[in-house]
Amino acid sequence: MSAVVEEAVLESEDGMVSVCRPEDLEPGWGEAAWLGGKQIALFRTDGEDFFAASHHCPTSGAKVMARGILGDRMIDGNRVSTIACPLHKEVYRLDTGDCLSAVAQPLPVFPLVERQGQLWMAGTP
C-alpha cells in the first residue's frame, strides 16, 4: 500500500523539517519519500514508533529499504526496532543504523519527532 503525502516541506526555526503526518504511514510498513533532494525511507512500527532512514541499501546502493521487513530484536533486555534489507537480508537497527547480522556499513538513520500532528526530522539526509 502506498500513502499519499502532501508535497509541501516545512522547515521550523530549530532546523527540523516537516516530513508527513503520523496517520500518513501505515503500521508495520515503510514508505519512500523525497526530502531535500534525497530518498529516505519512513517507517511506522506496529508499536507506533516512527523512524527515518536512507532508502539506499548500504551494501548495494539499491533504493529498496522502504520495502524491507520491519521487525525487532531483544538487545540488552530492550526491544529494538529493526529493518531487514529485502535484497541481502542484512538486519539494521532503526535507532542507530548498526548492522546486526553482518559486517556491513551502517544504515544512515535520521531522528523523527512528533509535534503538533506532524512528524519532523532533524536536519536533512
PDB file of N, CA and C in Angstrom:
ATOM      1  N   MET A   1       0.842  -1.175   0.000  1.00  0.00           N
ATOM      2  CA  MET A   1       0.000   0.000   0.000  1.00  0.00           C
ATOM      3  C   MET A   1       0.882   1.231   0.000  1.00  0.00           C
ATOM      4  N   SER A   2       0.475   2.242  -0.736  1.00  0.00           N
ATOM      5  CA  SER A   2       1.216   3.496  -0.791  1.00  0.00           C
ATOM      6  C   SER A   2       0.394   4.600  -0.153  1.00  0.00           C
ATOM      7  N   ALA A   3       1.085   5.502   0.493  1.00  0.00           N
ATOM      8  CA  ALA A   3       0.422   6.645   1.109  1.00  0.00           C
ATOM      9  C   ALA A   3       0.551   7.847   0.190  1.00  0.00           C
ATOM     10  N   VAL A   4      -0.435   8.691   0.224  1.00  0.00           N
ATOM     11  CA  VAL A   4      -0.365   9.956  -0.488  1.00  0.00           C
ATOM     12  C   VAL A   4       0.001  11.006   0.549  1.00  0.00           C
ATOM     13  N   VAL A   5       1.134  11.630   0.361  1.00  0.00           N
ATOM     14  CA  VAL A   5       1.650  12.590   1.315  1.00  0.00           C
ATOM     15  C   VAL A   5       1.752  13.937   0.618  1.00  0.00           C
ATOM     16  N   GLU A   6       1.339  14.995   1.310  1.00  0.00           N
ATOM     17  CA  GLU A   6       1.461  16.334   0.741  1.00  0.00           C
ATOM     18  C   GLU A   6       2.886  16.601   0.333  1.00  0.00           C
ATOM     19  N   GLU A   7       3.049  17.371  -0.749  1.00  0.00           N
ATOM     20  CA  GLU A   7       4.387  17.660  -1.245  1.00  0.00           C
ATOM     21  C   GLU A   7       5.032  18.856  -0.560  1.00  0.00           C
ATOM     22  N   ALA A   8       4.299  19.569   0.246  1.00  0.00           N
ATOM     23  CA  ALA A   8       4.869  20.727   0.931  1.00  0.00           C
ATOM     24  C   ALA A   8       5.866  20.277   1.991  1.00  0.00           C
ATOM     25  N   VAL A   9       7.017  20.902   2.013  1.00  0.00           N
ATOM     26  CA  VAL A   9       8.021  20.631   3.037  1.00  0.00           C
ATOM     27  C   VAL A   9       8.192  21.907   3.841  1.00  0.00           C
ATOM     28  N   LEU A  10       7.915  21.813   5.133  1.00  0.00           N
ATOM     29  CA  LEU A  10       8.021  22.965   6.012  1.00  0.00           C
ATOM     30  C   LEU A  10       9.268  22.839   6.870  1.00  0.00           C
ATOM     31  N   GLU A  11       9.918  23.951   7.116  1.00  0.00           N
ATOM     32  CA  GLU A  11      11.098  23.940   7.969  1.00  0.00           C
ATOM     33  C   GLU A  11      10.842  24.842   9.161  1.00  0.00           C
ATOM     34  N   SER A  12      11.193  24.344  10.351  1.00  0.00           N
ATOM     35  CA  SER A  12      10.985  25.124  11.560  1.00  0.00           C
ATOM     36  C   SER A  12      12.231  25.929  11.881  1.00  0.00           C
ATOM     37  N   GLU A  13      12.115  26.756  12.890  1.00  0.00           N
ATOM     38  CA  GLU A  13      13.231  27.601  13.294  1.00  0.00           C
ATOM     39  C   GLU A  13      14.396  26.811  13.868  1.00  0.00           C
ATOM     40  N   ASP A  14      14.127  25.609  14.399  1.00  0.00           N
ATOM     41  CA  ASP A  14      15.202  24.830  15.010  1.00  0.00           C
ATOM     42  C   ASP A  14      15.836  23.842  14.032  1.00  0.00           C
ATOM     43  N   GLY A  15      15.629  24.029  12.723  1.00  0.00           N
ATOM     44  CA  GLY A  15      16.254  23.179  11.722  1.00  0.00           C
ATOM     45  C   GLY A  15      15.521  21.877  11.450  1.00  0.00           C
ATOM     46  N   MET A  16      14.383  21.669  12.094  1.00  0.00           N
ATOM     47  CA  MET A  16      13.590  20.464  11.859  1.00  0.00           C
ATOM     48  C   MET A  16      12.787  20.639  10.570  1.00  0.00           C
ATOM     49  N   VAL A  17      12.625  19.546   9.812  1.00  0.00           N
ATOM     50  CA  VAL A  17      11.895  19.575   8.557  1.00  0.00           C
ATOM     51  C   VAL A  17      10.643  18.722   8.711  1.00  0.00           C
ATOM     52  N   SER A  18       9.484  19.272   8.331  1.00  0.00           N
ATOM     53  CA  SER A  18       8.234  18.535   8.379  1.00  0.00           C
ATOM     54  C   SER A  18       8.254  17.452   7.310  1.00  0.00           C
ATOM     55  N   VAL A  19       7.949  16.214   7.720  1.00  0.00           N
ATOM     56  CA  VAL A  19       8.018  15.091   6.794  1.00  0.00           C
ATOM     57  C   VAL A  19       6.622  14.653   6.343  1.00  0.00           C
ATOM     58  N   CYS A  20       5.758  14.335   7.287  1.00  0.00           N
ATOM     59  CA  CYS A  20       4.393  13.905   6.984  1.00  0.00           C
ATOM     60  C   CYS A  20       3.615  13.845   8.296  1.00  0.00           C
ATOM     61  N   ARG A  21       2.354  13.484   8.207  1.00  0.00           N
ATOM     62  CA  ARG A  21       1.545  13.269   9.410  1.00  0.00           C
ATOM     63  C   ARG A  21       1.687  11.806   9.827  1.00  0.00           C
ATOM     64  N   PRO A  22       1.599  11.496  11.110  1.00  0.00           N
ATOM     65  CA  PRO A  22       1.711  10.100  11.547  1.00  0.00           C
ATOM     66  C   PRO A  22       0.717   9.178  10.848  1.00  0.00           C
ATOM     67  N   GLU A  23      -0.506   9.660  10.631  1.00  0.00           N
ATOM     68  CA  GLU A  23      -1.522   8.803  10.008  1.00  0.00           C
ATOM     69  C   GLU A  23      -1.259   8.553   8.518  1.00  0.00           C
ATOM     70  N   ASP A  24      -0.292   9.265   7.921  1.00  0.00           N
ATOM     71  CA  ASP A  24       0.083   9.002   6.531  1.00  0.00           C
ATOM     72  C   ASP A  24       0.842   7.685   6.389  1.00  0.00           C
ATOM     73  N   LEU A  25       1.378   7.179   7.497  1.00  0.00           N
ATOM     74  CA  LEU A  25       2.167   5.950   7.470  1.00  0.00           C
ATOM     75  C   LEU A  25       1.371   4.791   8.057  1.00  0.00           C
ATOM     76  N   GLU A  26       1.351   3.691   7.346  1.00  0.00           N
ATOM     77  CA  GLU A  26       0.633   2.501   7.789  1.00  0.00           C
ATOM     78  C   GLU A  26       1.502   1.712   8.782  1.00  0.00           C
ATOM     79  N   PRO A  27       0.915   1.262   9.901  1.00  0.00           N
ATOM     80  CA  PRO A  27       1.696   0.463  10.863  1.00  0.00           C
ATOM     81  C   PRO A  27       2.282  -0.798  10.218  1.00  0.00           C
ATOM     82  N   GLY A  28       3.541  -1.073  10.525  1.00  0.00           N
ATOM     83  CA  GLY A  28       4.202  -2.280  10.027  1.00  0.00           C
ATOM     84  C   GLY A  28       4.667  -2.188   8.590  1.00  0.00           C
ATOM     85  N   TRP A  29       4.786  -0.973   8.077  1.00  0.00           N
ATOM     86  CA  TRP A  29       5.090  -0.793   6.661  1.00  0.00           C
ATOM     87  C   TRP A  29       6.045   0.374   6.485  1.00  0.00           C
ATOM     88  N   GLY A  30       6.757   0.409   5.372  1.00  0.00           N
ATOM     89  CA  GLY A  30       7.644   1.516   5.054  1.00  0.00           C
ATOM     90  C   GLY A  30       7.163   2.259   3.830  1.00  0.00           C
ATOM     91  N   GLU A  31       7.545   3.514   3.729  1.00  0.00           N
ATOM     92  CA  GLU A  31       7.231   4.352   2.566  1.00  0.00           C
ATOM     93  C   GLU A  31       8.494   5.097   2.159  1.00  0.00           C
ATOM     94  N   ALA A  32       8.704   5.222   0.861  1.00  0.00           N
ATOM     95  CA  ALA A  32       9.821   6.012   0.347  1.00  0.00           C
ATOM     96  C   ALA A  32       9.337   7.434   0.107  1.00  0.00           C
ATOM     97  N   ALA A  33      10.229   8.405   0.331  1.00  0.00           N
ATOM     98  CA  ALA A  33       9.876   9.811   0.134  1.00  0.00           C
ATOM     99  C   ALA A  33      11.107  10.589  -0.321  1.00  0.00           C
ATOM    100  N   TRP A  34      10.862  11.680  -1.039  1.00  0.00           N
ATOM    101  CA  TRP A  34      11.915  12.625  -1.403  1.00  0.00           C
ATOM    102  C   TRP A  34      11.959  13.705  -0.343  1.00  0.00           C
ATOM    103  N   LEU A  35      13.139  13.994   0.156  1.00  0.00           N
ATOM    104  CA  LEU A  35      13.287  15.064   1.128  1.00  0.00           C
ATOM    105  C   LEU A  35      14.651  15.714   0.920  1.00  0.00           C
ATOM    106  N   GLY A  36      14.655  16.968   0.676  1.00  0.00           N
ATOM    107  CA  GLY A  36      15.914  17.667   0.446  1.00  0.00           C
ATOM    108  C   GLY A  36      16.683  17.114  -0.737  1.00  0.00           C
ATOM    109  N   GLY A  37      15.966  16.619  -1.758  1.00  0.00           N
ATOM    110  CA  GLY A  37      16.612  16.075  -2.949  1.00  0.00           C
ATOM    111  C   GLY A  37      17.163  14.672  -2.774  1.00  0.00           C
ATOM    112  N   LYS A  38      16.857  14.026  -1.649  1.00  0.00           N
ATOM    113  CA  LYS A  38      17.346  12.664  -1.395  1.00  0.00           C
ATOM    114  C   LYS A  38      16.176  11.750  -1.066  1.00  0.00           C
ATOM    115  N   GLN A  39      16.383  10.460  -1.308  1.00  0.00           N
ATOM    116  CA  GLN A  39      15.357   9.489  -0.981  1.00  0.00           C
ATOM    117  C   GLN A  39      15.549   8.976   0.433  1.00  0.00           C
ATOM    118  N   ILE A  40      14.472   9.016   1.201  1.00  0.00           N
ATOM    119  CA  ILE A  40      14.501   8.458   2.546  1.00  0.00           C
ATOM    120  C   ILE A  40      13.402   7.407   2.657  1.00  0.00           C
ATOM    121  N   ALA A  41      13.539   6.548   3.639  1.00  0.00           N
ATOM    122  CA  ALA A  41      12.522   5.545   3.948  1.00  0.00           C
ATOM    123  C   ALA A  41      11.923   5.917   5.298  1.00  0.00           C
ATOM    124  N   LEU A  42      10.604   5.942   5.362  1.00  0.00           N
ATOM    125  CA  LEU A  42       9.886   6.260   6.597  1.00  0.00           C
ATOM    126  C   LEU A  42       9.179   5.002   7.078  1.00  0.00           C
ATOM    127  N   PHE A  43       9.233   4.755   8.375  1.00  0.00           N
ATOM    128  CA  PHE A  43       8.651   3.547   8.939  1.00  0.00           C
ATOM    129  C   PHE A  43       7.774   3.877  10.131  1.00  0.00           C
ATOM    130  N   ARG A  44       6.678   3.129  10.244  1.00  0.00           N
ATOM    131  CA  ARG A  44       5.813   3.166  11.426  1.00  0.00           C
ATOM    132  C   ARG A  44       5.693   1.726  11.890  1.00  0.00           C
ATOM    133  N   THR A  45       6.197   1.449  13.074  1.00  0.00           N
ATOM    134  CA  THR A  45       6.149   0.085  13.581  1.00  0.00           C
ATOM    135  C   THR A  45       4.766  -0.239  14.110  1.00  0.00           C
ATOM    136  N   ASP A  46       4.509  -1.520  14.330  1.00  0.00           N
ATOM    137  CA  ASP A  46       3.243  -1.926  14.945  1.00  0.00           C
ATOM    138  C   ASP A  46       3.113  -1.358  16.350  1.00  0.00           C
ATOM    139  N   GLY A  47       4.255  -1.067  16.986  1.00  0.00           N
ATOM    140  CA  GLY A  47       4.259  -0.472  18.320  1.00  0.00           C
ATOM    141  C   GLY A  47       4.092   1.039  18.298  1.00  0.00           C
ATOM    142  N   GLU A  48       3.785   1.597  17.121  1.00  0.00           N
ATOM    143  CA  GLU A  48       3.536   3.036  16.965  1.00  0.00           C
ATOM    144  C   GLU A  48       4.788   3.903  17.156  1.00  0.00           C
ATOM    145  N   ASP A  49       5.955   3.357  16.828  1.00  0.00           N
ATOM    146  CA  ASP A  49       7.176   4.154  16.803  1.00  0.00           C
ATOM    147  C   ASP A  49       7.441   4.559  15.358  1.00  0.00           C
ATOM    148  N   PHE A  50       8.091   5.710  15.165  1.00  0.00           N
ATOM    149  CA  PHE A  50       8.359   6.236  13.834  1.00  0.00           C
ATOM    150  C   PHE A  50       9.860   6.381  13.642  1.00  0.00           C
ATOM    151  N   PHE A  51      10.331   6.009  12.434  1.00  0.00           N
ATOM    152  CA  PHE A  51      11.754   6.070  12.117  1.00  0.00           C
ATOM    153  C   PHE A  51      11.947   6.563  10.693  1.00  0.00           C
ATOM    154  N   ALA A  52      13.101   7.186  10.450  1.00  0.00           N
ATOM    155  CA  ALA A  52      13.507   7.591   9.106  1.00  0.00           C
ATOM    156  C   ALA A  52      14.922   7.087   8.871  1.00  0.00           C
ATOM    157  N   ALA A  53      15.170   6.597   7.656  1.00  0.00           N
ATOM    158  CA  ALA A  53      16.490   6.083   7.294  1.00  0.00           C
ATOM    159  C   ALA A  53      16.722   6.360   5.821  1.00  0.00           C
ATOM    160  N   SER A  54      17.937   6.148   5.382  1.00  0.00           N
ATOM    161  CA  SER A  54      18.221   6.223   3.956  1.00  0.00           C
ATOM    162  C   SER A  54      17.424   5.140   3.240  1.00  0.00           C
ATOM    163  N   HIS A  55      16.950   5.440   2.051  1.00  0.00           N
ATOM    164  CA  HIS A  55      16.241   4.455   1.237  1.00  0.00           C
ATOM    165  C   HIS A  55      17.241   3.539   0.518  1.00  0.00           C
ATOM    166  N   HIS A  56      18.525   3.903   0.535  1.00  0.00           N
ATOM    167  CA  HIS A  56      19.566   3.146  -0.161  1.00  0.00           C
ATOM    168  C   HIS A  56      20.127   2.026   0.722  1.00  0.00           C
ATOM    169  N   CYS A  57      20.202   0.829   0.194  1.00  0.00           N
ATOM    170  CA  CYS A  57      20.855  -0.292   0.876  1.00  0.00           C
ATOM    171  C   CYS A  57      22.336   0.043   1.036  1.00  0.00           C
ATOM    172  N   PRO A  58      22.886  -0.054   2.258  1.00  0.00           N
ATOM    173  CA  PRO A  58      24.299   0.268   2.454  1.00  0.00           C
ATOM    174  C   PRO A  58      25.247  -0.666   1.696  1.00  0.00           C
ATOM    175  N   THR A  59      24.814  -1.884   1.404  1.00  0.00           N
ATOM    176  CA  THR A  59      25.685  -2.849   0.713  1.00  0.00           C
ATOM    177  C   THR A  59      25.699  -2.640  -0.793  1.00  0.00           C
ATOM    178  N   SER A  60      24.516  -2.516  -1.390  1.00  0.00           N
ATOM    179  CA  SER A  60      24.439  -2.448  -2.850  1.00  0.00           C
ATOM    180  C   SER A  60      24.148  -1.048  -3.388  1.00  0.00           C
ATOM    181  N   GLY A  61      23.604  -0.179  -2.560  1.00  0.00           N
ATOM    182  CA  GLY A  61      23.209   1.147  -3.019  1.00  0.00           C
ATOM    183  C   GLY A  61      21.835   1.169  -3.667  1.00  0.00           C
ATOM    184  N   ALA A  62      21.198   0.012  -3.799  1.00  0.00           N
ATOM    185  CA  ALA A  62      19.864  -0.049  -4.403  1.00  0.00           C
ATOM    186  C   ALA A  62      18.855   0.686  -3.529  1.00  0.00           C
ATOM    187  N   LYS A  63      17.892   1.297  -4.159  1.00  0.00           N
ATOM    188  CA  LYS A  63      16.864   2.071  -3.443  1.00  0.00           C
ATOM    189  C   LYS A  63      15.717   1.134  -3.062  1.00  0.00           C
ATOM    190  N   VAL A  64      15.885   0.422  -1.934  1.00  0.00           N
ATOM    191  CA  VAL A  64      14.938  -0.636  -1.570  1.00  0.00           C
ATOM    192  C   VAL A  64      14.549  -0.675  -0.093  1.00  0.00           C
ATOM    193  N   MET A  65      15.155   0.123   0.750  1.00  0.00           N
ATOM    194  CA  MET A  65      14.981  -0.069   2.195  1.00  0.00           C
ATOM    195  C   MET A  65      13.542   0.146   2.670  1.00  0.00           C
ATOM    196  N   ALA A  66      12.758   0.994   2.009  1.00  0.00           N
ATOM    197  CA  ALA A  66      11.366   1.182   2.419  1.00  0.00           C
ATOM    198  C   ALA A  66      10.555  -0.093   2.229  1.00  0.00           C
ATOM    199  N   ARG A  67      11.036  -1.007   1.408  1.00  0.00           N
ATOM    200  CA  ARG A  67      10.353  -2.285   1.176  1.00  0.00           C
ATOM    201  C   ARG A  67      10.953  -3.413   2.009  1.00  0.00           C
ATOM    202  N   GLY A  68      11.794  -3.051   2.957  1.00  0.00           N
ATOM    203  CA  GLY A  68      12.387  -4.048   3.842  1.00  0.00           C
ATOM    204  C   GLY A  68      11.385  -4.626   4.813  1.00  0.00           C
ATOM    205  N   ILE A  69      11.826  -5.597   5.579  1.00  0.00           N
ATOM    206  CA  ILE A  69      10.969  -6.290   6.535  1.00  0.00           C
ATOM    207  C   ILE A  69      11.183  -5.687   7.922  1.00  0.00           C
ATOM    208  N   LEU A  70      10.128  -5.047   8.448  1.00  0.00           N
ATOM    209  CA  LEU A  70      10.202  -4.483   9.799  1.00  0.00           C
ATOM    210  C   LEU A  70      10.125  -5.599  10.832  1.00  0.00           C
ATOM    211  N   GLY A  71      10.881  -5.447  11.883  1.00  0.00           N
ATOM    212  CA  GLY A  71      10.852  -6.415  12.971  1.00  0.00           C
ATOM    213  C   GLY A  71      11.432  -5.807  14.219  1.00  0.00           C
ATOM    214  N   ASP A  72      11.845  -6.660  15.135  1.00  0.00           N
ATOM    215  CA  ASP A  72      12.525  -6.186  16.332  1.00  0.00           C
ATOM    216  C   ASP A  72      13.386  -7.301  16.894  1.00  0.00           C
ATOM    217  N   ARG A  73      14.319  -6.908  17.723  1.00  0.00           N
ATOM    218  CA  ARG A  73      15.224  -7.835  18.404  1.00  0.00           C
ATOM    219  C   ARG A  73      15.366  -7.377  19.843  1.00  0.00           C
ATOM    220  N   MET A  74      15.623  -8.346  20.718  1.00  0.00           N
ATOM    221  CA  MET A  74      15.934  -8.009  22.099  1.00  0.00           C
ATOM    222  C   MET A  74      17.443  -7.799  22.198  1.00  0.00           C
ATOM    223  N   ILE A  75      17.837  -6.621  22.643  1.00  0.00           N
ATOM    224  CA  ILE A  75      19.252  -6.292  22.810  1.00  0.00           C
ATOM    225  C   ILE A  75      19.415  -5.718  24.206  1.00  0.00           C
ATOM    226  N   ASP A  76      20.212  -6.391  25.026  1.00  0.00           N
ATOM    227  CA  ASP A  76      20.436  -5.972  26.408  1.00  0.00           C
ATOM    228  C   ASP A  76      19.124  -5.770  27.158  1.00  0.00           C
ATOM    229  N   GLY A  77      18.163  -6.660  26.914  1.00  0.00           N
ATOM    230  CA  GLY A  77      16.893  -6.608  27.614  1.00  0.00           C
ATOM    231  C   GLY A  77      15.896  -5.587  27.088  1.00  0.00           C
ATOM    232  N   ASN A  78      16.228  -4.911  25.990  1.00  0.00           N
ATOM    233  CA  ASN A  78      15.338  -3.906  25.412  1.00  0.00           C
ATOM    234  C   ASN A  78      14.910  -4.324  24.010  1.00  0.00           C
ATOM    235  N   ARG A  79      13.643  -4.066  23.687  1.00  0.00           N
ATOM    236  CA  ARG A  79      13.156  -4.323  22.335  1.00  0.00           C
ATOM    237  C   ARG A  79      13.648  -3.201  21.426  1.00  0.00           C
ATOM    238  N   VAL A  80      14.316  -3.564  20.344  1.00  0.00           N
ATOM    239  CA  VAL A  80      14.874  -2.602  19.402  1.00  0.00           C
ATOM    240  C   VAL A  80      14.249  -2.853  18.033  1.00  0.00           C
ATOM    241  N   SER A  81      13.672  -1.826  17.430  1.00  0.00           N
ATOM    242  CA  SER A  81      13.071  -1.948  16.096  1.00  0.00           C
ATOM    243  C   SER A  81      14.156  -2.125  15.049  1.00  0.00           C
ATOM    244  N   THR A  82      13.861  -2.985  14.062  1.00  0.00           N
ATOM    245  CA  THR A  82      14.840  -3.301  13.023  1.00  0.00           C
ATOM    246  C   THR A  82      14.184  -3.269  11.643  1.00  0.00           C
ATOM    247  N   ILE A  83      15.051  -3.170  10.633  1.00  0.00           N
ATOM    248  CA  ILE A  83      14.633  -3.315   9.238  1.00  0.00           C
ATOM    249  C   ILE A  83      15.614  -4.265   8.562  1.00  0.00           C
ATOM    250  N   ALA A  84      15.087  -5.235   7.819  1.00  0.00           N
ATOM    251  CA  ALA A  84      15.924  -6.166   7.062  1.00  0.00           C
ATOM    252  C   ALA A  84      15.885  -5.748   5.593  1.00  0.00           C
ATOM    253  N   CYS A  85      17.048  -5.609   4.993  1.00  0.00           N
ATOM    254  CA  CYS A  85      17.128  -5.258   3.579  1.00  0.00           C
ATOM    255  C   CYS A  85      16.424  -6.349   2.765  1.00  0.00           C
ATOM    256  N   PRO A  86      15.549  -5.985   1.830  1.00  0.00           N
ATOM    257  CA  PRO A  86      14.861  -7.006   1.057  1.00  0.00           C
ATOM    258  C   PRO A  86      15.771  -7.739   0.066  1.00  0.00           C
ATOM    259  N   LEU A  87      16.948  -7.194  -0.224  1.00  0.00           N
ATOM    260  CA  LEU A  87      17.863  -7.857  -1.165  1.00  0.00           C
ATOM    261  C   LEU A  87      18.784  -8.858  -0.491  1.00  0.00           C
ATOM    262  N   HIS A  88      19.488  -8.410   0.534  1.00  0.00           N
ATOM    263  CA  HIS A  88      20.540  -9.234   1.138  1.00  0.00           C
ATOM    264  C   HIS A  88      20.185  -9.746   2.522  1.00  0.00           C
ATOM    265  N   LYS A  89      19.066  -9.291   3.070  1.00  0.00           N
ATOM    266  CA  LYS A  89      18.547  -9.703   4.381  1.00  0.00           C
ATOM    267  C   LYS A  89      19.405  -9.244   5.555  1.00  0.00           C
ATOM    268  N   GLU A  90      20.342  -8.292   5.344  1.00  0.00           N
ATOM    269  CA  GLU A  90      21.048  -7.729   6.481  1.00  0.00           C
ATOM    270  C   GLU A  90      20.032  -7.003   7.358  1.00  0.00           C
ATOM    271  N   VAL A  91      20.196  -7.112   8.673  1.00  0.00           N
ATOM    272  CA  VAL A  91      19.263  -6.518   9.621  1.00  0.00           C
ATOM    273  C   VAL A  91      19.932  -5.317  10.278  1.00  0.00           C
ATOM    274  N   TYR A  92      19.235  -4.177  10.255  1.00  0.00           N
ATOM    275  CA  TYR A  92      19.764  -2.930  10.793  1.00  0.00           C
ATOM    276  C   TYR A  92      18.877  -2.421  11.916  1.00  0.00           C
ATOM    277  N   ARG A  93      19.494  -1.864  12.942  1.00  0.00           N
ATOM    278  CA  ARG A  93      18.746  -1.173  13.992  1.00  0.00           C
ATOM    279  C   ARG A  93      18.221   0.125  13.416  1.00  0.00           C
ATOM    280  N   LEU A  94      16.950   0.418  13.669  1.00  0.00           N
ATOM    281  CA  LEU A  94      16.386   1.670  13.169  1.00  0.00           C
ATOM    282  C   LEU A  94      16.719   2.859  14.059  1.00  0.00           C
ATOM    283  N   ASP A  95      17.183   2.616  15.271  1.00  0.00           N
ATOM    284  CA  ASP A  95      17.555   3.741  16.139  1.00  0.00           C
ATOM    285  C   ASP A  95      18.987   4.205  15.914  1.00  0.00           C
ATOM    286  N   THR A  96      19.894   3.294  15.574  1.00  0.00           N
ATOM    287  CA  THR A  96      21.303   3.655  15.397  1.00  0.00           C
ATOM    288  C   THR A  96      21.826   3.411  13.984  1.00  0.00           C
ATOM    289  N   GLY A  97      21.158   2.539  13.219  1.00  0.00           N
ATOM    290  CA  GLY A  97      21.621   2.171  11.890  1.00  0.00           C
ATOM    291  C   GLY A  97      22.627   1.038  11.874  1.00  0.00           C
ATOM    292  N   ASP A  98      23.058   0.566  13.051  1.00  0.00           N
ATOM    293  CA  ASP A  98      24.049  -0.510  13.114  1.00  0.00           C
ATOM    294  C   ASP A  98      23.515  -1.785  12.483  1.00  0.00           C
ATOM    295  N   CYS A  99      24.388  -2.482  11.743  1.00  0.00           N
ATOM    296  CA  CYS A  99      24.022  -3.766  11.147  1.00  0.00           C
ATOM    297  C   CYS A  99      24.197  -4.847  12.209  1.00  0.00           C
ATOM    298  N   LEU A 100      23.158  -5.662  12.408  1.00  0.00           N
ATOM    299  CA  LEU A 100      23.172  -6.694  13.439  1.00  0.00           C
ATOM    300  C   LEU A 100      23.491  -8.078  12.900  1.00  0.00           C
ATOM    301  N   SER A 101      23.500  -8.250  11.588  1.00  0.00           N
ATOM    302  CA  SER A 101      23.616  -9.596  11.035  1.00  0.00           C
ATOM    303  C   SER A 101      24.871  -9.840  10.212  1.00  0.00           C
ATOM    304  N   ALA A 102      25.661  -8.824   9.968  1.00  0.00           N
ATOM    305  CA  ALA A 102      26.859  -8.981   9.139  1.00  0.00           C
ATOM    306  C   ALA A 102      27.810  -7.828   9.436  1.00  0.00           C
ATOM    307  N   VAL A 103      29.015  -7.963   8.929  1.00  0.00           N
ATOM    308  CA  VAL A 103      29.944  -6.841   8.979  1.00  0.00           C
ATOM    309  C   VAL A 103      29.618  -5.987   7.762  1.00  0.00           C
ATOM    310  N   ALA A 104      28.911  -4.901   7.989  1.00  0.00           N
ATOM    311  CA  ALA A 104      28.457  -4.060   6.887  1.00  0.00           C
ATOM    312  C   ALA A 104      28.430  -2.611   7.334  1.00  0.00           C
ATOM    313  N   GLN A 105      28.415  -1.724   6.356  1.00  0.00           N
ATOM    314  CA  GLN A 105      28.283  -0.304   6.647  1.00  0.00           C
ATOM    315  C   GLN A 105      26.955  -0.072   7.363  1.00  0.00           C
ATOM    316  N   PRO A 106      26.895   0.874   8.285  1.00  0.00           N
ATOM    317  CA  PRO A 106      25.614   1.172   8.936  1.00  0.00           C
ATOM    318  C   PRO A 106      24.644   1.820   7.961  1.00  0.00           C
ATOM    319  N   LEU A 107      23.375   1.697   8.267  1.00  0.00           N
ATOM    320  CA  LEU A 107      22.312   2.353   7.524  1.00  0.00           C
ATOM    321  C   LEU A 107      22.164   3.761   8.093  1.00  0.00           C
ATOM    322  N   PRO A 108      22.293   4.796   7.277  1.00  0.00           N
ATOM    323  CA  PRO A 108      22.084   6.151   7.812  1.00  0.00           C
ATOM    324  C   PRO A 108      20.646   6.317   8.319  1.00  0.00           C
ATOM    325  N   VAL A 109      20.506   6.765   9.550  1.00  0.00           N
ATOM    326  CA  VAL A 109      19.194   6.987  10.153  1.00  0.00           C
ATOM    327  C   VAL A 109      19.086   8.448  10.576  1.00  0.00           C
ATOM    328  N   PHE A 110      17.840   8.931  10.659  1.00  0.00           N
ATOM    329  CA  PHE A 110      17.580  10.335  10.949  1.00  0.00           C
ATOM    330  C   PHE A 110      16.503  10.418  12.022  1.00  0.00           C
ATOM    331  N   PRO A 111      16.736  11.171  13.084  1.00  0.00           N
ATOM    332  CA  PRO A 111      15.749  11.276  14.166  1.00  0.00           C
ATOM    333  C   PRO A 111      14.433  11.891  13.696  1.00  0.00           C
ATOM    334  N   LEU A 112      13.329  11.297  14.126  1.00  0.00           N
ATOM    335  CA  LEU A 112      11.993  11.843  13.878  1.00  0.00           C
ATOM    336  C   LEU A 112      11.373  12.230  15.209  1.00  0.00           C
ATOM    337  N   VAL A 113      10.635  13.341  15.206  1.00  0.00           N
ATOM    338  CA  VAL A 113       9.939  13.819  16.392  1.00  0.00           C
ATOM    339  C   VAL A 113       8.504  14.131  15.981  1.00  0.00           C
ATOM    340  N   GLU A 114       7.539  13.731  16.812  1.00  0.00           N
ATOM    341  CA  GLU A 114       6.147  14.065  16.543  1.00  0.00           C
ATOM    342  C   GLU A 114       5.785  15.332  17.308  1.00  0.00           C
ATOM    343  N   ARG A 115       5.315  16.355  16.567  1.00  0.00           N
ATOM    344  CA  ARG A 115       4.916  17.634  17.152  1.00  0.00           C
ATOM    345  C   ARG A 115       3.706  18.171  16.418  1.00  0.00           C
ATOM    346  N   GLN A 116       2.695  18.550  17.151  1.00  0.00           N
ATOM    347  CA  GLN A 116       1.525  19.215  16.601  1.00  0.00           C
ATOM    348  C   GLN A 116       0.937  18.479  15.401  1.00  0.00           C
ATOM    349  N   GLY A 117       0.836  17.148  15.514  1.00  0.00           N
ATOM    350  CA  GLY A 117       0.218  16.353  14.463  1.00  0.00           C
ATOM    351  C   GLY A 117       1.088  16.147  13.226  1.00  0.00           C
ATOM    352  N   GLN A 118       2.369  16.435  13.326  1.00  0.00           N
ATOM    353  CA  GLN A 118       3.309  16.260  12.211  1.00  0.00           C
ATOM    354  C   GLN A 118       4.527  15.480  12.706  1.00  0.00           C
ATOM    355  N   LEU A 119       5.152  14.747  11.785  1.00  0.00           N
ATOM    356  CA  LEU A 119       6.446  14.139  12.062  1.00  0.00           C
ATOM    357  C   LEU A 119       7.504  15.087  11.495  1.00  0.00           C
ATOM    358  N   TRP A 120       8.502  15.384  12.314  1.00  0.00           N
ATOM    359  CA  TRP A 120       9.582  16.291  11.942  1.00  0.00           C
ATOM    360  C   TRP A 120      10.892  15.537  12.004  1.00  0.00           C
ATOM    361  N   MET A 121      11.780  15.814  11.060  1.00  0.00           N
ATOM    362  CA  MET A 121      13.083  15.174  11.010  1.00  0.00           C
ATOM    363  C   MET A 121      14.167  16.220  11.252  1.00  0.00           C
ATOM    364  N   ALA A 122      15.144  15.824  12.061  1.00  0.00           N
ATOM    365  CA  ALA A 122      16.262  16.720  12.342  1.00  0.00           C
ATOM    366  C   ALA A 122      17.195  16.779  11.142  1.00  0.00           C
ATOM    367  N   GLY A 123      17.462  17.967  10.675  1.00  0.00           N
ATOM    368  CA  GLY A 123      18.407  18.138   9.569  1.00  0.00           C
ATOM    369  C   GLY A 123      17.888  17.585   8.260  1.00  0.00           C
ATOM    370  N   THR A 124      18.788  17.475   7.295  1.00  0.00           N
ATOM    371  CA  THR A 124      18.441  16.897   6.003  1.00  0.00           C
ATOM    372  C   THR A 124      19.329  15.700   5.745  1.00  0.00           C
ATOM    373  N   PRO A 125      18.800  14.736   5.017  1.00  0.00           N
ATOM    374  CA  PRO A 125      19.563  13.500   4.765  1.00  0.00           C
ATOM    375  C   PRO A 125      20.780  13.730   3.911  1.00  0.00           C
TER     376      PRO A 125
END
